[in-house]
C-alpha atoms as a PDB file:
ATOM      1  CA  UNK A   1      -0.017  -0.097  -0.100  1.00  0.00           C
ATOM      2  CA  UNK A   2       1.220   3.528  -0.806  1.00  0.00           C
ATOM      3  CA  UNK A   3       0.173   6.592   1.463  1.00  0.00           C
ATOM      4  CA  UNK A   4      -0.096  10.013  -0.147  1.00  0.00           C
ATOM      5  CA  UNK A   5      -0.306  12.883   2.455  1.00  0.00           C
ATOM      6  CA  UNK A   6      -0.425  16.553   1.654  1.00  0.00           C
ATOM      7  CA  UNK A   7      -0.371  19.514   3.884  1.00  0.00           C
ATOM      8  CA  UNK A   8      -1.618  22.827   2.504  1.00  0.00           C
ATOM      9  CA  UNK A   9      -1.663  26.423   3.640  1.00  0.00           C
ATOM     10  CA  UNK A  10      -4.301  28.878   2.211  1.00  0.00           C
ATOM     11  CA  UNK A  11      -3.566  32.196   0.938  1.00  0.00           C
ATOM     12  CA  UNK A  12      -3.449  35.008   3.454  1.00  0.00           C
ATOM     13  CA  UNK A  13      -5.798  37.140   1.364  1.00  0.00           C
ATOM     14  CA  UNK A  14      -8.875  35.124   2.479  1.00  0.00           C
ATOM     15  CA  UNK A  15     -10.939  36.102   5.553  1.00  0.00           C
ATOM     16  CA  UNK A  16     -11.464  33.369   8.179  1.00  0.00           C
ATOM     17  CA  UNK A  17     -15.001  32.881   6.836  1.00  0.00           C
ATOM     18  CA  UNK A  18     -13.771  32.460   3.394  1.00  0.00           C
ATOM     19  CA  UNK A  19     -11.167  29.993   4.524  1.00  0.00           C
ATOM     20  CA  UNK A  20     -13.712  27.889   6.239  1.00  0.00           C
ATOM     21  CA  UNK A  21     -15.790  27.739   3.003  1.00  0.00           C
ATOM     22  CA  UNK A  22     -12.676  26.908   0.937  1.00  0.00           C
ATOM     23  CA  UNK A  23     -11.689  24.214   3.262  1.00  0.00           C
ATOM     24  CA  UNK A  24     -15.204  22.683   3.137  1.00  0.00           C
ATOM     25  CA  UNK A  25     -15.056  22.809  -0.696  1.00  0.00           C
ATOM     26  CA  UNK A  26     -11.709  21.115  -0.808  1.00  0.00           C
ATOM     27  CA  UNK A  27     -12.820  18.372   1.476  1.00  0.00           C
ATOM     28  CA  UNK A  28     -16.092  17.767  -0.240  1.00  0.00           C
ATOM     29  CA  UNK A  29     -14.213  17.649  -3.606  1.00  0.00           C
ATOM     30  CA  UNK A  30     -11.430  15.450  -2.710  1.00  0.00           C
ATOM     31  CA  UNK A  31     -13.408  13.011  -0.574  1.00  0.00           C
ATOM     32  CA  UNK A  32     -16.033  12.860  -3.303  1.00  0.00           C
ATOM     33  CA  UNK A  33     -13.382  11.117  -5.483  1.00  0.00           C
ATOM     34  CA  UNK A  34     -13.647   8.030  -3.456  1.00  0.00           C
ATOM     35  CA  UNK A  35     -14.831   5.204  -5.707  1.00  0.00           C
ATOM     36  CA  UNK A  36     -13.885   7.035  -8.783  1.00  0.00           C
ATOM     37  CA  UNK A  37     -10.191   6.432  -8.931  1.00  0.00           C
ATOM     38  CA  UNK A  38      -8.766   2.962  -9.773  1.00  0.00           C
ATOM     39  CA  UNK A  39      -6.632   1.704  -6.982  1.00  0.00           C
ATOM     40  CA  UNK A  40      -7.633   4.231  -4.406  1.00  0.00           C
ATOM     41  CA  UNK A  41      -8.257   2.563  -1.089  1.00  0.00           C
ATOM     42  CA  UNK A  42      -9.313   5.482   1.123  1.00  0.00           C
ATOM     43  CA  UNK A  43      -9.192   9.308   1.027  1.00  0.00           C
ATOM     44  CA  UNK A  44      -9.805  11.782   3.981  1.00  0.00           C
ATOM     45  CA  UNK A  45      -9.332  15.620   4.250  1.00  0.00           C
ATOM     46  CA  UNK A  46      -8.824  17.136   7.789  1.00  0.00           C
ATOM     47  CA  UNK A  47      -9.905  20.684   7.844  1.00  0.00           C
ATOM     48  CA  UNK A  48      -9.867  21.303  11.631  1.00  0.00           C
ATOM     49  CA  UNK A  49      -6.313  21.465  12.728  1.00  0.00           C
ATOM     50  CA  UNK A  50      -5.373  22.418  16.363  1.00  0.00           C
ATOM     51  CA  UNK A  51      -4.159  25.918  17.086  1.00  0.00           C
ATOM     52  CA  UNK A  52      -0.551  24.523  17.333  1.00  0.00           C
ATOM     53  CA  UNK A  53      -0.538  23.599  13.680  1.00  0.00           C
ATOM     54  CA  UNK A  54       1.124  25.548  10.996  1.00  0.00           C
ATOM     55  CA  UNK A  55      -1.034  24.417   8.022  1.00  0.00           C
ATOM     56  CA  UNK A  56      -4.800  24.771   7.239  1.00  0.00           C
ATOM     57  CA  UNK A  57      -5.836  21.326   5.955  1.00  0.00           C
ATOM     58  CA  UNK A  58      -4.284  17.808   5.302  1.00  0.00           C
ATOM     59  CA  UNK A  59      -5.068  15.158   2.750  1.00  0.00           C
ATOM     60  CA  UNK A  60      -4.521  11.563   3.806  1.00  0.00           C
ATOM     61  CA  UNK A  61      -4.980   9.040   1.143  1.00  0.00           C
ATOM     62  CA  UNK A  62      -4.153   5.404   0.394  1.00  0.00           C
ATOM     63  CA  UNK A  63      -3.588   3.588  -2.782  1.00  0.00           C
ATOM     64  CA  UNK A  64      -2.908  -0.054  -3.757  1.00  0.00           C
ATOM     65  CA  UNK A  65       0.456   0.735  -5.161  1.00  0.00           C
ATOM     66  CA  UNK A  66       2.570   3.550  -6.775  1.00  0.00           C
ATOM     67  CA  UNK A  67       1.016   3.033 -10.201  1.00  0.00           C
ATOM     68  CA  UNK A  68      -2.359   3.741  -8.714  1.00  0.00           C
ATOM     69  CA  UNK A  69      -1.039   6.900  -7.153  1.00  0.00           C
ATOM     70  CA  UNK A  70       0.357   8.005 -10.467  1.00  0.00           C
ATOM     71  CA  UNK A  71      -3.017   7.289 -12.133  1.00  0.00           C
ATOM     72  CA  UNK A  72      -4.748   9.441  -9.489  1.00  0.00           C
ATOM     73  CA  UNK A  73      -2.463  12.280 -10.294  1.00  0.00           C
ATOM     74  CA  UNK A  74      -3.664  12.615 -13.850  1.00  0.00           C
ATOM     75  CA  UNK A  75      -7.099  11.218 -13.420  1.00  0.00           C
ATOM     76  CA  UNK A  76      -9.591  13.852 -14.909  1.00  0.00           C
ATOM     77  CA  UNK A  77     -11.834  13.805 -11.867  1.00  0.00           C
ATOM     78  CA  UNK A  78      -8.965  14.584  -9.640  1.00  0.00           C
ATOM     79  CA  UNK A  79      -7.502  17.184 -12.047  1.00  0.00           C
ATOM     80  CA  UNK A  80     -10.819  18.947 -11.981  1.00  0.00           C
ATOM     81  CA  UNK A  81     -10.971  19.102  -8.109  1.00  0.00           C
ATOM     82  CA  UNK A  82      -7.224  20.165  -7.917  1.00  0.00           C
ATOM     83  CA  UNK A  83      -7.616  22.994 -10.558  1.00  0.00           C
ATOM     84  CA  UNK A  84     -11.000  24.056  -9.400  1.00  0.00           C
ATOM     85  CA  UNK A  85     -11.037  23.761  -5.668  1.00  0.00           C
ATOM     86  CA  UNK A  86      -7.328  23.544  -4.355  1.00  0.00           C
ATOM     87  CA  UNK A  87      -4.753  25.325  -6.433  1.00  0.00           C
ATOM     88  CA  UNK A  88      -6.596  28.735  -6.745  1.00  0.00           C
ATOM     89  CA  UNK A  89      -6.661  29.028  -2.897  1.00  0.00           C
ATOM     90  CA  UNK A  90      -3.464  27.466  -1.573  1.00  0.00           C
ATOM     91  CA  UNK A  91      -0.156  29.308  -0.980  1.00  0.00           C
ATOM     92  CA  UNK A  92       1.879  26.261  -0.102  1.00  0.00           C
ATOM     93  CA  UNK A  93       1.860  22.428  -0.478  1.00  0.00           C
ATOM     94  CA  UNK A  94       3.952  19.849   1.104  1.00  0.00           C
ATOM     95  CA  UNK A  95       3.625  16.169   0.045  1.00  0.00           C
ATOM     96  CA  UNK A  96       4.878  12.919   1.355  1.00  0.00           C
ATOM     97  CA  UNK A  97       4.377   9.630  -0.507  1.00  0.00           C
ATOM     98  CA  UNK A  98       5.592   6.492   1.142  1.00  0.00           C
ATOM     99  CA  UNK A  99       5.092   2.744   1.183  1.00  0.00           C
ATOM    100  CA  UNK A 100       3.072   1.581   4.200  1.00  0.00           C
END
C-alpha cells in the first residue's frame, strides 16, 4: 500500500469565513473522489487543525500501489478538483508519499 499525504496552507488574502468555505469545498471535492479512482483505497481531508498547527488542512489518502497513485495524479476527476477547488486558494503545499 502507498500513502499520499499533503499539507496545505491557504492564501493570506482570504478572511477566516472564506477560508472555512474553501476548506469545506476542498474536503467535499477530494473526498468525493472515493470510488472514482482505480486503485484508491481511502481518502480523507482534515480541515480542523489544532491551534498548534502551521498548516490549514491535510489530505491523507491510500492507494494499492505506486502505479495507482500515478494514475490518480492525472485522473480527470482529480485534476478537476485540484484545478477548481485547491490550486486557486493554496499558498503552499507539502507532500509525502511512502510505502506503508
